[in-house]
PDB file of N, CA and C in Angstrom:
ATOM      1  N   UNK A   1       8.509 -29.487  -6.050  1.00  0.00           N
ATOM      2  CA  UNK A   1       8.548 -29.013  -4.689  1.00  0.00           C
ATOM      3  C   UNK A   1       7.606 -27.807  -4.295  1.00  0.00           C
ATOM      4  N   UNK A   2       6.710 -27.683  -3.482  1.00  0.00           N
ATOM      5  CA  UNK A   2       5.897 -26.383  -3.425  1.00  0.00           C
ATOM      6  C   UNK A   2       6.411 -25.761  -2.044  1.00  0.00           C
ATOM      7  N   UNK A   3       6.075 -24.582  -2.475  1.00  0.00           N
ATOM      8  CA  UNK A   3       6.317 -23.660  -1.177  1.00  0.00           C
ATOM      9  C   UNK A   3       5.058 -23.144  -0.422  1.00  0.00           C
ATOM     10  N   UNK A   4       5.101 -23.203   0.857  1.00  0.00           N
ATOM     11  CA  UNK A   4       4.043 -22.738   1.700  1.00  0.00           C
ATOM     12  C   UNK A   4       3.993 -21.281   1.692  1.00  0.00           C
ATOM     13  N   UNK A   5       2.547 -20.653   1.301  1.00  0.00           N
ATOM     14  CA  UNK A   5       2.640 -19.267   1.441  1.00  0.00           C
ATOM     15  C   UNK A   5       2.475 -18.786   2.778  1.00  0.00           C
ATOM     16  N   UNK A   6       3.299 -17.886   3.272  1.00  0.00           N
ATOM     17  CA  UNK A   6       3.276 -17.385   4.496  1.00  0.00           C
ATOM     18  C   UNK A   6       2.327 -16.252   4.872  1.00  0.00           C
ATOM     19  N   UNK A   7       1.921 -15.543   3.972  1.00  0.00           N
ATOM     20  CA  UNK A   7       1.140 -14.662   4.098  1.00  0.00           C
ATOM     21  C   UNK A   7      -0.223 -14.870   4.529  1.00  0.00           C
ATOM     22  N   UNK A   8      -0.917 -14.014   5.497  1.00  0.00           N
ATOM     23  CA  UNK A   8      -2.196 -14.346   5.989  1.00  0.00           C
ATOM     24  C   UNK A   8      -3.151 -13.983   5.159  1.00  0.00           C
ATOM     25  N   UNK A   9      -2.918 -12.966   4.072  1.00  0.00           N
ATOM     26  CA  UNK A   9      -4.014 -12.635   3.153  1.00  0.00           C
ATOM     27  C   UNK A   9      -3.336 -12.602   1.820  1.00  0.00           C
ATOM     28  N   UNK A  10      -4.447 -12.947   0.787  1.00  0.00           N
ATOM     29  CA  UNK A  10      -4.154 -12.914  -0.485  1.00  0.00           C
ATOM     30  C   UNK A  10      -3.938 -11.729  -0.830  1.00  0.00           C
ATOM     31  N   UNK A  11      -3.009 -11.647  -1.900  1.00  0.00           N
ATOM     32  CA  UNK A  11      -2.457 -10.325  -2.612  1.00  0.00           C
ATOM     33  C   UNK A  11      -2.958 -10.481  -4.124  1.00  0.00           C
ATOM     34  N   UNK A  12      -3.324  -9.189  -4.515  1.00  0.00           N
ATOM     35  CA  UNK A  12      -3.893  -9.105  -5.807  1.00  0.00           C
ATOM     36  C   UNK A  12      -2.853  -8.067  -6.602  1.00  0.00           C
ATOM     37  N   UNK A  13      -2.341  -8.480  -7.676  1.00  0.00           N
ATOM     38  CA  UNK A  13      -1.477  -7.620  -8.340  1.00  0.00           C
ATOM     39  C   UNK A  13      -2.568  -6.478  -9.133  1.00  0.00           C
ATOM     40  N   UNK A  14      -1.978  -5.322  -8.684  1.00  0.00           N
ATOM     41  CA  UNK A  14      -2.878  -4.118  -9.038  1.00  0.00           C
ATOM     42  C   UNK A  14      -2.131  -3.002  -9.139  1.00  0.00           C
ATOM     43  N   UNK A  15      -2.370  -2.259 -10.114  1.00  0.00           N
ATOM     44  CA  UNK A  15      -1.735  -0.936 -10.356  1.00  0.00           C
ATOM     45  C   UNK A  15      -2.680   0.263 -10.096  1.00  0.00           C
ATOM     46  N   UNK A  16      -2.621   0.765  -8.915  1.00  0.00           N
ATOM     47  CA  UNK A  16      -3.580   1.975  -8.744  1.00  0.00           C
ATOM     48  C   UNK A  16      -2.626   2.961  -8.345  1.00  0.00           C
ATOM     49  N   UNK A  17      -3.111   4.282  -9.018  1.00  0.00           N
ATOM     50  CA  UNK A  17      -2.401   5.570  -8.540  1.00  0.00           C
ATOM     51  C   UNK A  17      -2.564   6.103  -6.987  1.00  0.00           C
ATOM     52  N   UNK A  18      -1.868   6.530  -6.276  1.00  0.00           N
ATOM     53  CA  UNK A  18      -1.859   6.919  -5.015  1.00  0.00           C
ATOM     54  C   UNK A  18      -1.278   8.270  -4.644  1.00  0.00           C
ATOM     55  N   UNK A  19      -1.712   8.969  -3.711  1.00  0.00           N
ATOM     56  CA  UNK A  19      -1.184   9.923  -3.185  1.00  0.00           C
ATOM     57  C   UNK A  19      -0.462   9.604  -1.775  1.00  0.00           C
ATOM     58  N   UNK A  20       0.757   9.906  -1.302  1.00  0.00           N
ATOM     59  CA  UNK A  20       1.163   9.446  -0.042  1.00  0.00           C
ATOM     60  C   UNK A  20       2.023  10.730   0.682  1.00  0.00           C
ATOM     61  N   UNK A  21       1.820  10.698   1.853  1.00  0.00           N
ATOM     62  CA  UNK A  21       2.664  11.640   2.915  1.00  0.00           C
ATOM     63  C   UNK A  21       3.146  10.922   3.893  1.00  0.00           C
ATOM     64  N   UNK A  22       4.495  11.357   4.289  1.00  0.00           N
ATOM     65  CA  UNK A  22       5.104  10.580   5.233  1.00  0.00           C
ATOM     66  C   UNK A  22       5.215  11.789   6.302  1.00  0.00           C
ATOM     67  N   UNK A  23       4.645  11.145   7.649  1.00  0.00           N
ATOM     68  CA  UNK A  23       4.854  11.990   8.869  1.00  0.00           C
ATOM     69  C   UNK A  23       5.888  11.613   9.925  1.00  0.00           C
ATOM     70  N   UNK A  24       6.225  12.691  10.475  1.00  0.00           N
ATOM     71  CA  UNK A  24       7.352  12.325  11.700  1.00  0.00           C
ATOM     72  C   UNK A  24       6.624  11.980  12.938  1.00  0.00           C
ATOM     73  N   UNK A  25       7.464  11.873  13.945  1.00  0.00           N
ATOM     74  CA  UNK A  25       6.911  11.489  15.319  1.00  0.00           C
ATOM     75  C   UNK A  25       5.900  12.354  15.786  1.00  0.00           C
ATOM     76  N   UNK A  26       6.086  13.567  15.429  1.00  0.00           N
ATOM     77  CA  UNK A  26       5.230  14.799  15.756  1.00  0.00           C
ATOM     78  C   UNK A  26       4.031  15.149  15.076  1.00  0.00           C
ATOM     79  N   UNK A  27       3.755  14.223  13.822  1.00  0.00           N
ATOM     80  CA  UNK A  27       2.750  14.420  13.115  1.00  0.00           C
ATOM     81  C   UNK A  27       2.861  15.470  11.921  1.00  0.00           C
ATOM     82  N   UNK A  28       4.234  15.799  11.756  1.00  0.00           N
ATOM     83  CA  UNK A  28       4.073  16.830  10.692  1.00  0.00           C
ATOM     84  C   UNK A  28       4.832  16.080   9.497  1.00  0.00           C
ATOM     85  N   UNK A  29       4.213  16.713   7.952  1.00  0.00           N
ATOM     86  CA  UNK A  29       4.643  16.072   6.964  1.00  0.00           C
ATOM     87  C   UNK A  29       5.938  16.453   6.498  1.00  0.00           C
ATOM     88  N   UNK A  30       6.680  15.281   6.149  1.00  0.00           N
ATOM     89  CA  UNK A  30       8.277  15.580   5.878  1.00  0.00           C
ATOM     90  C   UNK A  30       8.415  15.411   4.532  1.00  0.00           C
ATOM     91  N   UNK A  31       7.570  14.647   3.713  1.00  0.00           N
ATOM     92  CA  UNK A  31       7.651  14.429   2.310  1.00  0.00           C
ATOM     93  C   UNK A  31       6.242  13.921   1.842  1.00  0.00           C
ATOM     94  N   UNK A  32       6.059  14.132   0.667  1.00  0.00           N
ATOM     95  CA  UNK A  32       4.775  13.518   0.092  1.00  0.00           C
ATOM     96  C   UNK A  32       5.098  13.662  -1.399  1.00  0.00           C
ATOM     97  N   UNK A  33       4.419  12.692  -2.178  1.00  0.00           N
ATOM     98  CA  UNK A  33       4.395  12.526  -3.431  1.00  0.00           C
ATOM     99  C   UNK A  33       3.217  11.513  -4.044  1.00  0.00           C
ATOM    100  N   UNK A  34       3.541  11.079  -5.420  1.00  0.00           N
ATOM    101  CA  UNK A  34       2.647  10.098  -5.982  1.00  0.00           C
ATOM    102  C   UNK A  34       3.281   8.941  -6.139  1.00  0.00           C
ATOM    103  N   UNK A  35       2.587   7.879  -6.260  1.00  0.00           N
ATOM    104  CA  UNK A  35       3.083   6.365  -6.426  1.00  0.00           C
ATOM    105  C   UNK A  35       1.988   5.595  -7.041  1.00  0.00           C
ATOM    106  N   UNK A  36       2.244   4.221  -6.876  1.00  0.00           N
ATOM    107  CA  UNK A  36       1.304   3.448  -7.363  1.00  0.00           C
ATOM    108  C   UNK A  36       1.267   1.871  -6.672  1.00  0.00           C
ATOM    109  N   UNK A  37       0.332   1.612  -6.472  1.00  0.00           N
ATOM    110  CA  UNK A  37       0.448  -0.018  -5.984  1.00  0.00           C
ATOM    111  C   UNK A  37       0.800  -0.837  -7.128  1.00  0.00           C
ATOM    112  N   UNK A  38       1.786  -1.988  -6.536  1.00  0.00           N
ATOM    113  CA  UNK A  38       2.221  -3.137  -7.274  1.00  0.00           C
ATOM    114  C   UNK A  38       1.198  -4.259  -6.843  1.00  0.00           C
ATOM    115  N   UNK A  39       0.829  -4.378  -5.561  1.00  0.00           N
ATOM    116  CA  UNK A  39      -0.025  -5.334  -5.448  1.00  0.00           C
ATOM    117  C   UNK A  39      -0.755  -4.984  -3.964  1.00  0.00           C
ATOM    118  N   UNK A  40      -2.047  -5.408  -3.713  1.00  0.00           N
ATOM    119  CA  UNK A  40      -2.819  -5.138  -2.580  1.00  0.00           C
ATOM    120  C   UNK A  40      -3.316  -6.231  -1.712  1.00  0.00           C
ATOM    121  N   UNK A  41      -3.351  -6.068  -0.387  1.00  0.00           N
ATOM    122  CA  UNK A  41      -3.975  -7.060   0.203  1.00  0.00           C
ATOM    123  C   UNK A  41      -4.888  -6.409   1.328  1.00  0.00           C
ATOM    124  N   UNK A  42      -5.433  -7.237   2.413  1.00  0.00           N
ATOM    125  CA  UNK A  42      -6.161  -6.747   3.285  1.00  0.00           C
ATOM    126  C   UNK A  42      -5.432  -5.971   4.397  1.00  0.00           C
ATOM    127  N   UNK A  43      -4.130  -6.233   4.625  1.00  0.00           N
ATOM    128  CA  UNK A  43      -3.253  -5.645   5.447  1.00  0.00           C
ATOM    129  C   UNK A  43      -2.176  -4.978   5.125  1.00  0.00           C
ATOM    130  N   UNK A  44      -2.100  -4.583   3.728  1.00  0.00           N
ATOM    131  CA  UNK A  44      -0.818  -4.077   3.303  1.00  0.00           C
ATOM    132  C   UNK A  44      -0.915  -3.907   1.694  1.00  0.00           C
ATOM    133  N   UNK A  45       0.172  -3.002   1.280  1.00  0.00           N
ATOM    134  CA  UNK A  45       0.414  -3.003  -0.133  1.00  0.00           C
ATOM    135  C   UNK A  45       1.828  -2.984  -0.306  1.00  0.00           C
ATOM    136  N   UNK A  46       2.163  -3.162  -1.859  1.00  0.00           N
ATOM    137  CA  UNK A  46       3.556  -3.018  -2.234  1.00  0.00           C
ATOM    138  C   UNK A  46       3.397  -1.656  -3.116  1.00  0.00           C
ATOM    139  N   UNK A  47       4.171  -0.597  -2.677  1.00  0.00           N
ATOM    140  CA  UNK A  47       3.998   0.608  -3.131  1.00  0.00           C
ATOM    141  C   UNK A  47       5.384   0.855  -4.011  1.00  0.00           C
ATOM    142  N   UNK A  48       5.294   1.477  -5.270  1.00  0.00           N
ATOM    143  CA  UNK A  48       6.193   1.794  -6.103  1.00  0.00           C
ATOM    144  C   UNK A  48       6.398   3.466  -6.055  1.00  0.00           C
ATOM    145  N   UNK A  49       7.356   3.994  -5.639  1.00  0.00           N
ATOM    146  CA  UNK A  49       7.620   5.435  -5.614  1.00  0.00           C
ATOM    147  C   UNK A  49       9.039   5.856  -6.663  1.00  0.00           C
ATOM    148  N   UNK A  50       9.030   6.938  -6.630  1.00  0.00           N
ATOM    149  CA  UNK A  50      10.414   7.584  -7.393  1.00  0.00           C
ATOM    150  C   UNK A  50      11.394   7.859  -6.323  1.00  0.00           C
ATOM    151  N   UNK A  51      10.982   7.763  -5.138  1.00  0.00           N
ATOM    152  CA  UNK A  51      12.017   8.053  -3.979  1.00  0.00           C
ATOM    153  C   UNK A  51      11.912   7.087  -3.039  1.00  0.00           C
ATOM    154  N   UNK A  52      13.128   6.585  -2.191  1.00  0.00           N
ATOM    155  CA  UNK A  52      12.845   5.734  -1.085  1.00  0.00           C
ATOM    156  C   UNK A  52      11.917   6.441   0.124  1.00  0.00           C
ATOM    157  N   UNK A  53      11.300   5.417   0.725  1.00  0.00           N
ATOM    158  CA  UNK A  53      10.587   5.890   1.910  1.00  0.00           C
ATOM    159  C   UNK A  53      11.320   5.311   3.210  1.00  0.00           C
ATOM    160  N   UNK A  54      11.723   6.094   4.224  1.00  0.00           N
ATOM    161  CA  UNK A  54      12.292   5.746   5.208  1.00  0.00           C
ATOM    162  C   UNK A  54      11.283   4.925   6.109  1.00  0.00           C
ATOM    163  N   UNK A  55      11.810   4.067   6.996  1.00  0.00           N
ATOM    164  CA  UNK A  55      10.886   3.195   7.922  1.00  0.00           C
ATOM    165  C   UNK A  55      10.570   3.989   9.024  1.00  0.00           C
ATOM    166  N   UNK A  56      11.217   5.146   9.310  1.00  0.00           N
ATOM    167  CA  UNK A  56      11.039   5.926  10.689  1.00  0.00           C
ATOM    168  C   UNK A  56       9.579   6.834  10.458  1.00  0.00           C
ATOM    169  N   UNK A  57       8.977   6.775   9.222  1.00  0.00           N
ATOM    170  CA  UNK A  57       7.857   7.536   9.184  1.00  0.00           C
ATOM    171  C   UNK A  57       6.727   6.673   9.098  1.00  0.00           C
ATOM    172  N   UNK A  58       5.615   7.281   9.558  1.00  0.00           N
ATOM    173  CA  UNK A  58       4.162   6.827   9.437  1.00  0.00           C
ATOM    174  C   UNK A  58       3.751   7.342   8.110  1.00  0.00           C
ATOM    175  N   UNK A  59       3.162   6.382   7.143  1.00  0.00           N
ATOM    176  CA  UNK A  59       2.781   6.681   5.897  1.00  0.00           C
ATOM    177  C   UNK A  59       1.454   6.954   5.778  1.00  0.00           C
ATOM    178  N   UNK A  60       0.777   8.085   5.235  1.00  0.00           N
ATOM    179  CA  UNK A  60      -0.678   8.366   4.882  1.00  0.00           C
ATOM    180  C   UNK A  60      -0.936   8.069   3.511  1.00  0.00           C
ATOM    181  N   UNK A  61      -1.649   7.142   3.170  1.00  0.00           N
ATOM    182  CA  UNK A  61      -2.033   6.919   1.758  1.00  0.00           C
ATOM    183  C   UNK A  61      -3.524   7.261   1.215  1.00  0.00           C
ATOM    184  N   UNK A  62      -3.685   7.852   0.080  1.00  0.00           N
ATOM    185  CA  UNK A  62      -4.986   7.982  -0.467  1.00  0.00           C
ATOM    186  C   UNK A  62      -5.056   7.234  -1.750  1.00  0.00           C
ATOM    187  N   UNK A  63      -5.517   6.086  -1.630  1.00  0.00           N
ATOM    188  CA  UNK A  63      -5.398   5.004  -2.810  1.00  0.00           C
ATOM    189  C   UNK A  63      -7.074   5.035  -3.782  1.00  0.00           C
ATOM    190  N   UNK A  64      -6.871   5.410  -4.954  1.00  0.00           N
ATOM    191  CA  UNK A  64      -8.049   5.110  -5.843  1.00  0.00           C
ATOM    192  C   UNK A  64      -8.253   3.816  -6.148  1.00  0.00           C
ATOM    193  N   UNK A  65      -9.316   3.200  -5.740  1.00  0.00           N
ATOM    194  CA  UNK A  65      -9.878   1.978  -6.377  1.00  0.00           C
ATOM    195  C   UNK A  65     -11.179   2.204  -7.033  1.00  0.00           C
ATOM    196  N   UNK A  66     -11.197   2.188  -8.344  1.00  0.00           N
ATOM    197  CA  UNK A  66     -12.369   2.108  -9.228  1.00  0.00           C
ATOM    198  C   UNK A  66     -12.790   3.819  -8.973  1.00  0.00           C
ATOM    199  N   UNK A  67     -13.890   3.857  -8.533  1.00  0.00           N
ATOM    200  CA  UNK A  67     -14.485   5.103  -8.189  1.00  0.00           C
ATOM    201  C   UNK A  67     -14.451   5.730  -6.772  1.00  0.00           C
ATOM    202  N   UNK A  68     -13.734   4.760  -5.867  1.00  0.00           N
ATOM    203  CA  UNK A  68     -13.633   5.086  -4.423  1.00  0.00           C
ATOM    204  C   UNK A  68     -12.258   5.587  -4.210  1.00  0.00           C
ATOM    205  N   UNK A  69     -12.117   6.389  -3.356  1.00  0.00           N
ATOM    206  CA  UNK A  69     -10.664   6.670  -2.779  1.00  0.00           C
ATOM    207  C   UNK A  69     -10.745   6.338  -1.192  1.00  0.00           C
ATOM    208  N   UNK A  70      -9.882   5.632  -0.847  1.00  0.00           N
ATOM    209  CA  UNK A  70      -9.488   5.125   0.552  1.00  0.00           C
ATOM    210  C   UNK A  70      -8.303   5.836   0.991  1.00  0.00           C
ATOM    211  N   UNK A  71      -8.336   6.148   2.335  1.00  0.00           N
ATOM    212  CA  UNK A  71      -7.572   6.967   3.081  1.00  0.00           C
ATOM    213  C   UNK A  71      -7.193   5.986   4.277  1.00  0.00           C
ATOM    214  N   UNK A  72      -5.842   5.700   4.262  1.00  0.00           N
ATOM    215  CA  UNK A  72      -5.255   4.774   5.419  1.00  0.00           C
ATOM    216  C   UNK A  72      -3.832   4.942   5.821  1.00  0.00           C
ATOM    217  N   UNK A  73      -3.647   4.587   6.885  1.00  0.00           N
ATOM    218  CA  UNK A  73      -2.251   4.912   7.409  1.00  0.00           C
ATOM    219  C   UNK A  73      -1.654   3.619   7.339  1.00  0.00           C
ATOM    220  N   UNK A  74      -0.105   3.502   7.318  1.00  0.00           N
ATOM    221  CA  UNK A  74       0.713   2.346   7.444  1.00  0.00           C
ATOM    222  C   UNK A  74       1.802   2.501   7.939  1.00  0.00           C
ATOM    223  N   UNK A  75       2.898   1.544   8.205  1.00  0.00           N
ATOM    224  CA  UNK A  75       4.148   1.797   8.313  1.00  0.00           C
ATOM    225  C   UNK A  75       5.059   0.772   7.396  1.00  0.00           C
ATOM    226  N   UNK A  76       6.106   1.460   6.945  1.00  0.00           N
ATOM    227  CA  UNK A  76       7.152   0.805   5.999  1.00  0.00           C
ATOM    228  C   UNK A  76       7.574  -0.373   6.704  1.00  0.00           C
ATOM    229  N   UNK A  77       7.555  -1.697   6.295  1.00  0.00           N
ATOM    230  CA  UNK A  77       8.284  -2.713   6.860  1.00  0.00           C
ATOM    231  C   UNK A  77       9.707  -2.730   6.043  1.00  0.00           C
ATOM    232  N   UNK A  78       9.717  -2.744   4.715  1.00  0.00           N
ATOM    233  CA  UNK A  78      10.928  -2.466   4.047  1.00  0.00           C
ATOM    234  C   UNK A  78      10.895  -1.520   2.843  1.00  0.00           C
ATOM    235  N   UNK A  79      11.807  -1.404   2.229  1.00  0.00           N
ATOM    236  CA  UNK A  79      12.115  -0.474   0.984  1.00  0.00           C
ATOM    237  C   UNK A  79      13.345  -1.213   0.284  1.00  0.00           C
ATOM    238  N   UNK A  80      13.290  -1.321  -0.955  1.00  0.00           N
ATOM    239  CA  UNK A  80      14.304  -1.762  -1.924  1.00  0.00           C
ATOM    240  C   UNK A  80      14.373  -1.107  -3.197  1.00  0.00           C
ATOM    241  N   UNK A  81      15.355  -1.217  -3.985  1.00  0.00           N
ATOM    242  CA  UNK A  81      15.410  -0.774  -5.337  1.00  0.00           C
ATOM    243  C   UNK A  81      14.681  -1.532  -6.041  1.00  0.00           C
ATOM    244  N   UNK A  82      13.826  -0.823  -6.980  1.00  0.00           N
ATOM    245  CA  UNK A  82      13.200  -1.466  -7.869  1.00  0.00           C
ATOM    246  C   UNK A  82      13.408  -1.466  -9.101  1.00  0.00           C
ATOM    247  N   UNK A  83      12.540  -1.449 -10.258  1.00  0.00           N
ATOM    248  CA  UNK A  83      12.971  -1.426 -11.567  1.00  0.00           C
ATOM    249  C   UNK A  83      12.881   0.065 -12.053  1.00  0.00           C
ATOM    250  N   UNK A  84      13.890   0.233 -13.152  1.00  0.00           N
ATOM    251  CA  UNK A  84      13.854   1.618 -13.780  1.00  0.00           C
ATOM    252  C   UNK A  84      13.969   2.738 -12.892  1.00  0.00           C
ATOM    253  N   UNK A  85      14.931   2.765 -11.740  1.00  0.00           N
ATOM    254  CA  UNK A  85      15.386   3.477 -10.816  1.00  0.00           C
ATOM    255  C   UNK A  85      14.156   3.946  -9.936  1.00  0.00           C
ATOM    256  N   UNK A  86      13.293   3.158  -9.734  1.00  0.00           N
ATOM    257  CA  UNK A  86      12.230   3.414  -8.685  1.00  0.00           C
ATOM    258  C   UNK A  86      12.455   2.507  -7.560  1.00  0.00           C
ATOM    259  N   UNK A  87      11.721   2.909  -6.508  1.00  0.00           N
ATOM    260  CA  UNK A  87      11.761   2.050  -5.275  1.00  0.00           C
ATOM    261  C   UNK A  87      10.377   1.198  -4.991  1.00  0.00           C
ATOM    262  N   UNK A  88      10.629   0.197  -4.316  1.00  0.00           N
ATOM    263  CA  UNK A  88       9.420  -0.497  -3.771  1.00  0.00           C
ATOM    264  C   UNK A  88       9.422  -0.555  -2.386  1.00  0.00           C
ATOM    265  N   UNK A  89       8.377  -0.220  -1.659  1.00  0.00           N
ATOM    266  CA  UNK A  89       8.219  -0.334  -0.286  1.00  0.00           C
ATOM    267  C   UNK A  89       6.974  -1.181   0.103  1.00  0.00           C
ATOM    268  N   UNK A  90       7.311  -2.046   1.136  1.00  0.00           N
ATOM    269  CA  UNK A  90       6.130  -2.949   1.399  1.00  0.00           C
ATOM    270  C   UNK A  90       5.561  -2.082   2.588  1.00  0.00           C
ATOM    271  N   UNK A  91       4.352  -1.860   2.518  1.00  0.00           N
ATOM    272  CA  UNK A  91       3.367  -0.985   3.529  1.00  0.00           C
ATOM    273  C   UNK A  91       2.506  -1.813   4.290  1.00  0.00           C
ATOM    274  N   UNK A  92       2.618  -2.015   5.646  1.00  0.00           N
ATOM    275  CA  UNK A  92       1.692  -2.689   6.517  1.00  0.00           C
ATOM    276  C   UNK A  92       0.605  -1.612   7.034  1.00  0.00           C
ATOM    277  N   UNK A  93      -0.709  -1.910   6.842  1.00  0.00           N
ATOM    278  CA  UNK A  93      -1.752  -0.774   7.043  1.00  0.00           C
ATOM    279  C   UNK A  93      -1.663  -0.858   8.770  1.00  0.00           C
ATOM    280  N   UNK A  94      -1.705   0.335   9.446  1.00  0.00           N
ATOM    281  CA  UNK A  94      -1.841   0.426  10.895  1.00  0.00           C
ATOM    282  C   UNK A  94      -3.197   0.524  11.417  1.00  0.00           C
ATOM    283  N   UNK A  95      -3.960   1.239  10.751  1.00  0.00           N
ATOM    284  CA  UNK A  95      -5.331   1.519  11.241  1.00  0.00           C
ATOM    285  C   UNK A  95      -6.241   1.654  10.155  1.00  0.00           C
ATOM    286  N   UNK A  96      -7.602   1.303  10.258  1.00  0.00           N
ATOM    287  CA  UNK A  96      -8.418   1.670   9.150  1.00  0.00           C
ATOM    288  C   UNK A  96      -9.981   1.505   9.707  1.00  0.00           C
ATOM    289  N   UNK A  97     -10.723   2.414   9.352  1.00  0.00           N
ATOM    290  CA  UNK A  97     -12.013   2.061   9.733  1.00  0.00           C
ATOM    291  C   UNK A  97     -12.742   1.095   9.069  1.00  0.00           C
ATOM    292  N   UNK A  98     -14.050   0.653   9.490  1.00  0.00           N
ATOM    293  CA  UNK A  98     -14.818  -0.431   8.951  1.00  0.00           C
ATOM    294  C   UNK A  98     -15.069  -0.328   7.498  1.00  0.00           C
ATOM    295  N   UNK A  99     -15.435   1.046   6.994  1.00  0.00           N
ATOM    296  CA  UNK A  99     -16.046   1.337   5.924  1.00  0.00           C
ATOM    297  C   UNK A  99     -14.653   1.124   4.808  1.00  0.00           C
ATOM    298  N   UNK A 100     -13.585   1.510   5.426  1.00  0.00           N
ATOM    299  CA  UNK A 100     -12.369   1.203   4.439  1.00  0.00           C
ATOM    300  C   UNK A 100     -11.877  -0.345   4.518  1.00  0.00           C
ATOM    301  N   UNK A 101     -12.130  -1.208   5.622  1.00  0.00           N
ATOM    302  CA  UNK A 101     -12.002  -2.539   5.218  1.00  0.00           C
ATOM    303  C   UNK A 101     -12.736  -2.959   4.178  1.00  0.00           C
ATOM    304  N   UNK A 102     -14.039  -2.741   4.572  1.00  0.00           N
ATOM    305  CA  UNK A 102     -15.091  -3.279   3.533  1.00  0.00           C
ATOM    306  C   UNK A 102     -14.816  -2.803   2.125  1.00  0.00           C
ATOM    307  N   UNK A 103     -14.284  -1.765   1.699  1.00  0.00           N
ATOM    308  CA  UNK A 103     -13.927  -1.445   0.322  1.00  0.00           C
ATOM    309  C   UNK A 103     -12.694  -2.275  -0.065  1.00  0.00           C
ATOM    310  N   UNK A 104     -11.699  -2.389   0.808  1.00  0.00           N
ATOM    311  CA  UNK A 104     -10.615  -3.349   0.542  1.00  0.00           C
ATOM    312  C   UNK A 104     -11.116  -4.743   0.162  1.00  0.00           C
ATOM    313  N   UNK A 105     -11.778  -5.218   1.013  1.00  0.00           N
ATOM    314  CA  UNK A 105     -12.082  -6.672   0.721  1.00  0.00           C
ATOM    315  C   UNK A 105     -12.958  -6.804  -0.503  1.00  0.00           C
ATOM    316  N   UNK A 106     -13.938  -5.750  -0.719  1.00  0.00           N
ATOM    317  CA  UNK A 106     -14.789  -5.736  -2.209  1.00  0.00           C
ATOM    318  C   UNK A 106     -13.881  -5.802  -3.303  1.00  0.00           C
ATOM    319  N   UNK A 107     -12.816  -4.855  -3.080  1.00  0.00           N
ATOM    320  CA  UNK A 107     -11.876  -4.571  -4.333  1.00  0.00           C
ATOM    321  C   UNK A 107     -11.316  -5.951  -4.770  1.00  0.00           C
ATOM    322  N   UNK A 108     -10.508  -6.523  -3.580  1.00  0.00           N
ATOM    323  CA  UNK A 108      -9.819  -7.814  -3.473  1.00  0.00           C
ATOM    324  C   UNK A 108     -10.896  -8.828  -4.088  1.00  0.00           C
ATOM    325  N   UNK A 109     -11.922  -9.137  -3.694  1.00  0.00           N
ATOM    326  CA  UNK A 109     -12.964 -10.231  -3.932  1.00  0.00           C
ATOM    327  C   UNK A 109     -13.372  -9.941  -5.489  1.00  0.00           C
ATOM    328  N   UNK A 110     -13.510  -8.604  -6.001  1.00  0.00           N
ATOM    329  CA  UNK A 110     -13.950  -8.413  -7.267  1.00  0.00           C
ATOM    330  C   UNK A 110     -12.692  -8.627  -8.227  1.00  0.00           C
ATOM    331  N   UNK A 111     -11.569  -8.332  -7.921  1.00  0.00           N
ATOM    332  CA  UNK A 111     -10.374  -8.697  -8.712  1.00  0.00           C
ATOM    333  C   UNK A 111      -9.901  -9.959  -8.767  1.00  0.00           C
ATOM    334  N   UNK A 112      -9.947 -10.706  -7.773  1.00  0.00           N
ATOM    335  CA  UNK A 112      -9.945 -12.004  -7.905  1.00  0.00           C
ATOM    336  C   UNK A 112     -10.893 -13.046  -8.906  1.00  0.00           C
ATOM    337  N   UNK A 113     -12.026 -12.448  -8.680  1.00  0.00           N
ATOM    338  CA  UNK A 113     -13.323 -12.993  -9.499  1.00  0.00           C
ATOM    339  C   UNK A 113     -13.045 -12.848 -11.037  1.00  0.00           C
ATOM    340  N   UNK A 114     -12.289 -11.785 -11.242  1.00  0.00           N
ATOM    341  CA  UNK A 114     -11.710 -11.479 -12.836  1.00  0.00           C
ATOM    342  C   UNK A 114     -10.822 -12.405 -13.329  1.00  0.00           C
ATOM    343  N   UNK A 115      -9.739 -12.748 -12.457  1.00  0.00           N
ATOM    344  CA  UNK A 115      -8.675 -13.530 -12.900  1.00  0.00           C
ATOM    345  C   UNK A 115      -9.028 -15.086 -13.003  1.00  0.00           C
TER     346      UNK A 115
END
């Protein structure tokens, strides 16, 4: 029995360090920290952090992909308990500029070619 993939974009398992900041409805930073990606697609990431991230916040991410830093905003779709007392949050990208989109696609294509 096969399962049909429901995602629009391919996800690559990739562990990249990142910095995140959570913004309230007034644009004020309410929490920030470090985390890492567990997987990446053109439309979002699975983020691992030491604390849960509430879905009421907009999340600003600075992700390191090889020599490039990408700044992008997203919204938390879900958060769940992960391994070793950490938390996993599905982040859907909200907005990005064309250069960021190009870098994401380039990274994903290169990563897929390795596998």
